[in-house]
Amino acid sequence: MTAVVNHLEGWRLRALVLSIVAAMAGYLAFSLWGGWDDVVAAFVQIGVMGTLVALSMSLVNYGLRFVRWQLYLAQLDHRVAWRPSLRIYLSGFALTTTPGKAGEAFRGVLLKQHGVPFPTTFAAFISERLSDLVAIVLLTLVGLAQYPPARGLVLAGVAGIVVIVLCLSNQRLLTRLGHWASGRQDRGARMVAHTLHMLGNARRCHRPGLLAVASVISVVAWGAEALAFHWILVWLGADVSLAFAVFVYALSMLAGALSFLPGGLGGAEAVMVSLLVLKGLTMPMAIAATVFIRLATLWFAVMLGLLALILSRHGEPEAI
């Protein structure tokens, strides 16, 4: 694996570092805009114990999603020992802030060394994203009645789920596209053929039993972070219900996903701050809560991913 990880050198490594630095600079500017002193004071108010609790809930999220990932790989007939698989899974988080979901592609490169072909990795990835989208949309329904204008965004998420499910379930359509692609030799046709192969694999991950288990795992995983968000707001003195906090967090994640920006950067934060201010929170408090939860979720994942990559670069055998 070390040889593969060493491909993350030169411009690739610089791109990774620059993307993280640029995003962190954006967060610094975001904090300054809200009033640096107020944001720092809010962080102090949350305290060390609050920070540890929030990070623990993020670990619950990552752990459950990893269990789901292992279930998908097993369903696709590629079982990988949990220790190297966990290191590989976390490594993908390191590139969350780079464009084009490079982290997911790099995870496929690492899994290739364990005999897992790229189409299988991407089939598991497609299944993951669909499961996440289902969970986030379900969580938004918890408090949607409190903010009716968000119905359009939620409906967009539902539409995305429907389109993906229809594509996965319509074997006739997939077969026709397969026949068309097999009769052509151009690059576009080959790309369609590879995509159809991945979708065919992904269909296996959406059989009723596994679909139900994966959906429950996803809802609990993302619900854990939403619960941490509620606690953060309470620690800051905000008078908000659990339903509202879950709704704000889920809708922000949905907005970030639909923005197609790396890690949902910008889109998720804008929605989260706006909804909190509309609820009556001051701008500094809303920004502090937003920055804190994103540091404890998104950026905590990036840091764990970097650690996993470093251990891989040093050739750690089977430990994280």
Protein backbone atom coordinates (compact mmCIF):
# COMPACT_ATOMS: atom_id res chain seq x y z
CA MET A 1 0.00 0.00 0.00
CA THR A 2 2.90 2.33 0.70
CA ALA A 3 3.85 2.31 -2.98
CA VAL A 4 0.34 3.36 -3.95
CA VAL A 5 0.15 6.10 -1.32
CA ASN A 6 3.46 7.45 -2.60
CA HIS A 7 1.57 8.46 -5.75
CA LEU A 8 0.20 11.28 -3.61
CA GLU A 9 3.36 13.28 -4.21
CA GLY A 10 4.35 16.39 -6.13
CA TRP A 11 1.45 18.39 -7.50
CA ARG A 12 -1.11 15.98 -6.00
CA LEU A 13 0.22 16.53 -2.49
CA ARG A 14 0.48 20.28 -3.08
CA ALA A 15 -3.10 20.37 -4.38
CA LEU A 16 -4.28 18.55 -1.26
CA VAL A 17 -2.42 20.89 1.09
CA LEU A 18 -3.51 24.01 -0.81
CA SER A 19 -7.16 22.94 -0.81
CA ILE A 20 -7.08 22.42 2.96
CA VAL A 21 -5.22 25.71 3.58
CA ALA A 22 -7.62 27.64 1.33
CA ALA A 23 -10.67 26.16 3.03
CA MET A 24 -9.26 26.84 6.50
CA ALA A 25 -8.50 30.43 5.47
CA GLY A 26 -12.11 30.75 4.40
CA TYR A 27 -13.22 29.54 7.83
CA LEU A 28 -10.92 32.07 9.50
CA ALA A 29 -12.43 34.87 7.41
CA PHE A 30 -15.88 33.52 8.22
CA SER A 31 -15.10 33.71 11.94
CA LEU A 32 -13.69 37.24 11.65
CA TRP A 33 -16.83 38.34 9.85
CA GLY A 34 -18.92 37.13 12.76
CA GLY A 35 -16.71 38.85 15.31
CA TRP A 36 -13.59 36.95 16.28
CA ASP A 37 -13.85 37.74 20.01
CA ASP A 38 -17.45 36.52 20.13
CA VAL A 39 -16.64 33.34 18.24
CA VAL A 40 -13.70 32.54 20.53
CA ALA A 41 -15.86 33.25 23.58
CA ALA A 42 -18.47 30.82 22.27
CA PHE A 43 -15.80 28.14 21.80
CA VAL A 44 -14.65 28.67 25.40
CA GLN A 45 -18.27 28.39 26.54
CA ILE A 46 -18.62 25.00 24.86
CA GLY A 47 -15.46 23.89 26.65
CA VAL A 48 -13.22 20.85 26.48
CA MET A 49 -15.93 18.43 27.61
CA GLY A 50 -18.37 19.74 25.03
CA THR A 51 -15.70 19.42 22.36
CA LEU A 52 -14.98 15.81 23.32
CA VAL A 53 -18.68 14.96 23.26
CA ALA A 54 -19.11 16.49 19.79
CA LEU A 55 -16.05 14.65 18.46
CA SER A 56 -17.35 11.40 19.97
CA MET A 57 -20.62 11.78 18.09
CA SER A 58 -18.64 12.34 14.90
CA LEU A 59 -16.75 9.11 15.57
CA VAL A 60 -20.10 7.35 15.90
CA ASN A 61 -21.00 8.73 12.46
CA TYR A 62 -17.74 7.60 10.83
CA GLY A 63 -17.86 4.21 12.54
CA LEU A 64 -21.40 3.41 11.44
CA ARG A 65 -20.71 4.54 7.88
CA PHE A 66 -17.65 2.29 7.83
CA VAL A 67 -19.80 -0.66 8.95
CA ARG A 68 -22.15 0.13 6.07
CA TRP A 69 -19.17 0.30 3.69
CA GLN A 70 -18.03 -3.15 4.79
CA LEU A 71 -21.54 -4.51 4.23
CA TYR A 72 -21.52 -3.13 0.69
CA LEU A 73 -18.11 -4.62 -0.11
CA ALA A 74 -19.23 -8.00 1.26
CA GLN A 75 -22.42 -7.84 -0.80
CA LEU A 76 -20.22 -7.22 -3.85
CA ASP A 77 -18.13 -10.33 -3.02
CA HIS A 78 -15.03 -8.43 -1.90
CA ARG A 79 -14.37 -8.84 1.80
CA VAL A 80 -11.44 -6.79 3.13
CA ALA A 81 -10.05 -7.24 6.66
CA TRP A 82 -11.49 -4.48 8.82
CA ARG A 83 -8.19 -2.88 9.92
CA PRO A 84 -6.71 -2.13 6.47
CA SER A 85 -10.20 -1.39 5.18
CA LEU A 86 -10.77 1.15 7.96
CA ARG A 87 -7.45 2.85 7.22
CA ILE A 88 -8.36 3.02 3.53
CA TYR A 89 -11.86 4.28 4.28
CA LEU A 90 -10.54 7.05 6.53
CA SER A 91 -7.87 7.95 3.96
CA GLY A 92 -10.64 8.98 1.58
CA PHE A 93 -11.70 11.66 4.08
CA ALA A 94 -8.34 13.43 3.65
CA LEU A 95 -9.35 14.55 0.17
CA THR A 96 -12.89 15.62 1.06
CA THR A 97 -12.08 19.28 0.37
CA THR A 98 -10.61 18.66 -3.10
CA PRO A 99 -12.78 19.07 -6.21
CA GLY A 100 -14.27 16.11 -8.00
CA LYS A 101 -14.53 13.71 -5.05
CA ALA A 102 -10.84 12.83 -5.48
CA GLY A 103 -10.89 11.18 -2.07
CA GLU A 104 -13.32 8.54 -3.27
CA ALA A 105 -11.18 7.86 -6.36
CA PHE A 106 -8.07 7.55 -4.22
CA ARG A 107 -9.87 5.10 -1.92
CA GLY A 108 -10.41 2.97 -5.01
CA VAL A 109 -6.68 3.07 -5.78
CA LEU A 110 -5.87 1.78 -2.30
CA LEU A 111 -8.54 -0.94 -2.39
CA LYS A 112 -7.16 -2.13 -5.75
CA GLN A 113 -4.15 -3.44 -3.79
CA HIS A 114 -6.53 -5.73 -1.90
CA GLY A 115 -8.05 -7.17 -5.05
CA VAL A 116 -11.07 -4.87 -5.18
CA PRO A 117 -11.61 -3.60 -8.77
CA PHE A 118 -12.50 0.03 -9.43
CA PRO A 119 -16.07 -0.69 -10.61
CA THR A 120 -16.78 -2.39 -7.28
CA THR A 121 -15.40 0.55 -5.30
CA PHE A 122 -17.50 3.03 -7.25
CA ALA A 123 -20.58 0.83 -6.96
CA ALA A 124 -20.13 0.92 -3.18
CA PHE A 125 -19.57 4.68 -3.40
CA ILE A 126 -22.79 5.20 -5.37
CA SER A 127 -24.66 3.10 -2.82
CA GLU A 128 -23.14 5.14 0.02
CA ARG A 129 -24.17 8.45 -1.47
CA LEU A 130 -27.72 7.24 -2.12
CA SER A 131 -28.00 5.91 1.43
CA ASP A 132 -26.68 9.21 2.82
CA LEU A 133 -29.13 11.18 0.70
CA VAL A 134 -32.07 9.05 1.90
CA ALA A 135 -31.03 9.54 5.53
CA ILE A 136 -30.56 13.31 5.20
CA VAL A 137 -33.93 13.75 3.49
CA LEU A 138 -35.64 11.68 6.19
CA LEU A 139 -33.99 13.79 8.91
CA THR A 140 -35.16 17.03 7.27
CA LEU A 141 -38.74 15.80 7.61
CA VAL A 142 -38.33 15.94 11.41
CA GLY A 143 -38.70 19.71 11.47
CA LEU A 144 -39.79 20.68 7.96
CA ALA A 145 -43.10 22.03 9.28
CA GLN A 146 -41.14 24.71 11.16
CA TYR A 147 -39.74 26.17 7.93
CA PRO A 148 -42.07 25.57 4.92
CA PRO A 149 -39.87 27.55 2.43
CA ALA A 150 -37.36 24.67 2.59
CA ARG A 151 -39.79 22.30 0.92
CA GLY A 152 -38.32 23.03 -2.52
CA LEU A 153 -34.84 21.97 -1.42
CA VAL A 154 -36.20 18.83 0.24
CA LEU A 155 -38.22 18.01 -2.87
CA ALA A 156 -35.02 18.37 -4.93
CA GLY A 157 -33.40 15.79 -2.66
CA VAL A 158 -36.40 13.48 -3.03
CA ALA A 159 -36.26 13.92 -6.82
CA GLY A 160 -32.59 12.95 -6.79
CA ILE A 161 -33.39 9.79 -4.84
CA VAL A 162 -36.21 8.88 -7.22
CA VAL A 163 -34.04 9.37 -10.32
CA ILE A 164 -31.21 7.23 -8.93
CA VAL A 165 -33.58 4.49 -7.76
CA LEU A 166 -35.34 4.44 -11.15
CA CYS A 167 -32.00 4.13 -12.92
CA LEU A 168 -30.96 1.28 -10.64
CA SER A 169 -34.26 -0.58 -10.84
CA ASN A 170 -34.99 -0.22 -14.56
CA GLN A 171 -33.20 -3.28 -15.92
CA ARG A 172 -34.78 -2.76 -19.33
CA LEU A 173 -33.26 0.69 -19.66
CA LEU A 174 -29.85 -0.55 -18.48
CA THR A 175 -29.98 -3.44 -20.96
CA ARG A 176 -30.83 -1.16 -23.89
CA LEU A 177 -28.02 1.23 -23.00
CA GLY A 178 -25.69 -1.76 -22.66
CA HIS A 179 -26.55 -3.01 -26.16
CA TRP A 180 -26.00 0.47 -27.56
CA ALA A 181 -22.62 0.85 -25.86
CA SER A 182 -21.42 -2.62 -26.84
CA GLY A 183 -21.96 -1.83 -30.53
CA ARG A 184 -19.75 1.26 -30.46
CA GLN A 185 -16.02 1.77 -29.94
CA ASP A 186 -15.78 5.48 -29.15
CA ARG A 187 -14.70 6.82 -25.79
CA GLY A 188 -18.19 7.96 -24.82
CA ALA A 189 -19.62 4.48 -25.37
CA ARG A 190 -16.86 2.90 -23.30
CA MET A 191 -17.62 5.35 -20.49
CA VAL A 192 -21.31 4.44 -20.67
CA ALA A 193 -20.42 0.74 -20.55
CA HIS A 194 -18.27 1.25 -17.42
CA THR A 195 -21.04 3.29 -15.79
CA LEU A 196 -23.61 0.59 -16.55
CA HIS A 197 -21.30 -2.02 -15.06
CA MET A 198 -21.03 0.02 -11.85
CA LEU A 199 -24.80 0.52 -11.73
CA GLY A 200 -25.28 -3.21 -12.20
CA ASN A 201 -23.05 -3.83 -9.18
CA ALA A 202 -24.80 -1.09 -7.20
CA ARG A 203 -28.15 -2.82 -7.79
CA ARG A 204 -26.89 -5.67 -5.62
CA CYS A 205 -26.45 -3.26 -2.70
CA HIS A 206 -30.09 -2.24 -2.81
CA ARG A 207 -31.84 -5.50 -2.21
CA PRO A 208 -34.64 -5.05 0.36
CA GLY A 209 -32.85 -6.55 3.38
CA LEU A 210 -29.56 -4.71 2.92
CA LEU A 211 -31.36 -1.53 1.89
CA ALA A 212 -33.31 -1.51 5.16
CA VAL A 213 -30.22 -2.14 7.28
CA ALA A 214 -28.16 0.49 5.43
CA SER A 215 -30.96 3.05 5.77
CA VAL A 216 -31.19 2.54 9.53
CA ILE A 217 -27.40 2.80 9.86
CA SER A 218 -27.37 6.01 7.82
CA VAL A 219 -30.15 7.69 9.79
CA VAL A 220 -28.50 6.86 13.12
CA ALA A 221 -25.06 7.94 11.83
CA TRP A 222 -26.18 11.36 10.60
CA GLY A 223 -28.60 11.71 13.49
CA ALA A 224 -25.64 11.43 15.88
CA GLU A 225 -24.02 14.53 14.39
CA ALA A 226 -27.36 16.35 14.36
CA LEU A 227 -27.76 15.55 18.05
CA ALA A 228 -24.28 16.97 18.72
CA PHE A 229 -25.35 20.12 16.87
CA HIS A 230 -28.37 20.45 19.17
CA TRP A 231 -26.19 20.08 22.26
CA ILE A 232 -23.80 22.75 20.95
CA LEU A 233 -26.69 25.19 20.49
CA VAL A 234 -27.95 24.45 24.00
CA TRP A 235 -24.46 24.95 25.48
CA LEU A 236 -24.36 28.33 23.76
CA GLY A 237 -27.62 29.30 25.43
CA ALA A 238 -29.89 29.01 22.38
CA ASP A 239 -33.53 28.12 23.01
CA VAL A 240 -34.08 25.60 20.20
CA SER A 241 -35.83 22.25 20.09
CA LEU A 242 -34.16 19.00 19.09
CA ALA A 243 -36.46 18.76 16.07
CA PHE A 244 -35.38 22.19 14.84
CA ALA A 245 -31.66 21.46 15.36
CA VAL A 246 -31.95 18.14 13.48
CA PHE A 247 -33.82 19.90 10.68
CA VAL A 248 -31.24 22.70 10.36
CA TYR A 249 -28.31 20.30 10.35
CA ALA A 250 -29.90 17.92 7.85
CA LEU A 251 -31.08 20.70 5.54
CA SER A 252 -27.60 22.25 5.60
CA MET A 253 -26.03 18.92 4.64
CA LEU A 254 -28.59 18.54 1.86
CA ALA A 255 -27.84 22.04 0.56
CA GLY A 256 -24.12 21.27 0.62
CA ALA A 257 -24.65 18.02 -1.28
CA LEU A 258 -26.84 19.65 -3.93
CA SER A 259 -24.31 22.47 -4.38
CA PHE A 260 -21.80 19.86 -5.69
CA LEU A 261 -19.03 21.77 -3.92
CA PRO A 262 -16.26 19.74 -2.21
CA GLY A 263 -17.50 18.81 1.25
CA GLY A 264 -20.49 21.12 0.70
CA LEU A 265 -18.21 24.02 1.66
CA GLY A 266 -20.01 27.35 1.58
CA GLY A 267 -23.48 26.03 0.80
CA ALA A 268 -23.93 24.14 4.06
CA GLU A 269 -22.58 26.99 6.16
CA ALA A 270 -24.75 29.63 4.47
CA VAL A 271 -27.95 27.66 5.04
CA MET A 272 -27.04 26.82 8.64
CA VAL A 273 -26.24 30.42 9.63
CA SER A 274 -29.30 31.80 7.85
CA LEU A 275 -31.72 29.41 9.57
CA LEU A 276 -30.18 30.02 12.99
CA VAL A 277 -30.40 33.81 12.57
CA LEU A 278 -34.03 33.48 11.44
CA LYS A 279 -34.66 31.51 14.64
CA GLY A 280 -33.43 34.49 16.67
CA LEU A 281 -29.77 33.68 17.33
CA THR A 282 -27.29 36.54 17.04
CA MET A 283 -24.97 36.46 14.06
CA PRO A 284 -21.83 35.74 16.18
CA MET A 285 -23.60 32.88 17.98
CA ALA A 286 -24.91 31.43 14.70
CA ILE A 287 -21.46 31.62 13.09
CA ALA A 288 -19.78 30.16 16.18
CA ALA A 289 -22.18 27.19 16.26
CA THR A 290 -21.73 26.65 12.51
CA VAL A 291 -17.93 26.84 12.57
CA PHE A 292 -17.74 24.59 15.61
CA ILE A 293 -19.99 21.82 14.27
CA ARG A 294 -18.19 21.84 10.91
CA LEU A 295 -14.80 21.66 12.63
CA ALA A 296 -16.08 18.76 14.75
CA THR A 297 -17.53 16.88 11.77
CA LEU A 298 -16.08 17.76 8.36
CA TRP A 299 -12.65 18.95 9.49
CA PHE A 300 -12.26 16.27 12.13
CA ALA A 301 -12.81 13.74 9.32
CA VAL A 302 -10.17 15.46 7.17
CA MET A 303 -7.64 15.33 10.03
CA LEU A 304 -8.34 11.62 10.64
CA GLY A 305 -7.95 11.02 6.92
CA LEU A 306 -4.58 12.75 6.87
CA LEU A 307 -3.47 10.64 9.84
CA ALA A 308 -4.54 7.47 8.03
CA LEU A 309 -2.60 8.57 4.93
CA ILE A 310 0.52 9.32 6.97
CA LEU A 311 0.39 5.88 8.59
CA SER A 312 -0.04 4.32 5.16
CA ARG A 313 2.94 6.27 3.80
CA HIS A 314 5.08 4.89 6.62
CA GLY A 315 3.98 1.40 5.84
CA GLU A 316 2.07 0.63 9.01
CA PRO A 317 1.08 -3.03 8.58
CA GLU A 318 -2.48 -3.46 9.73
CA ALA A 319 -3.01 -0.78 12.37
CA ILE A 320 -4.65 2.56 12.16
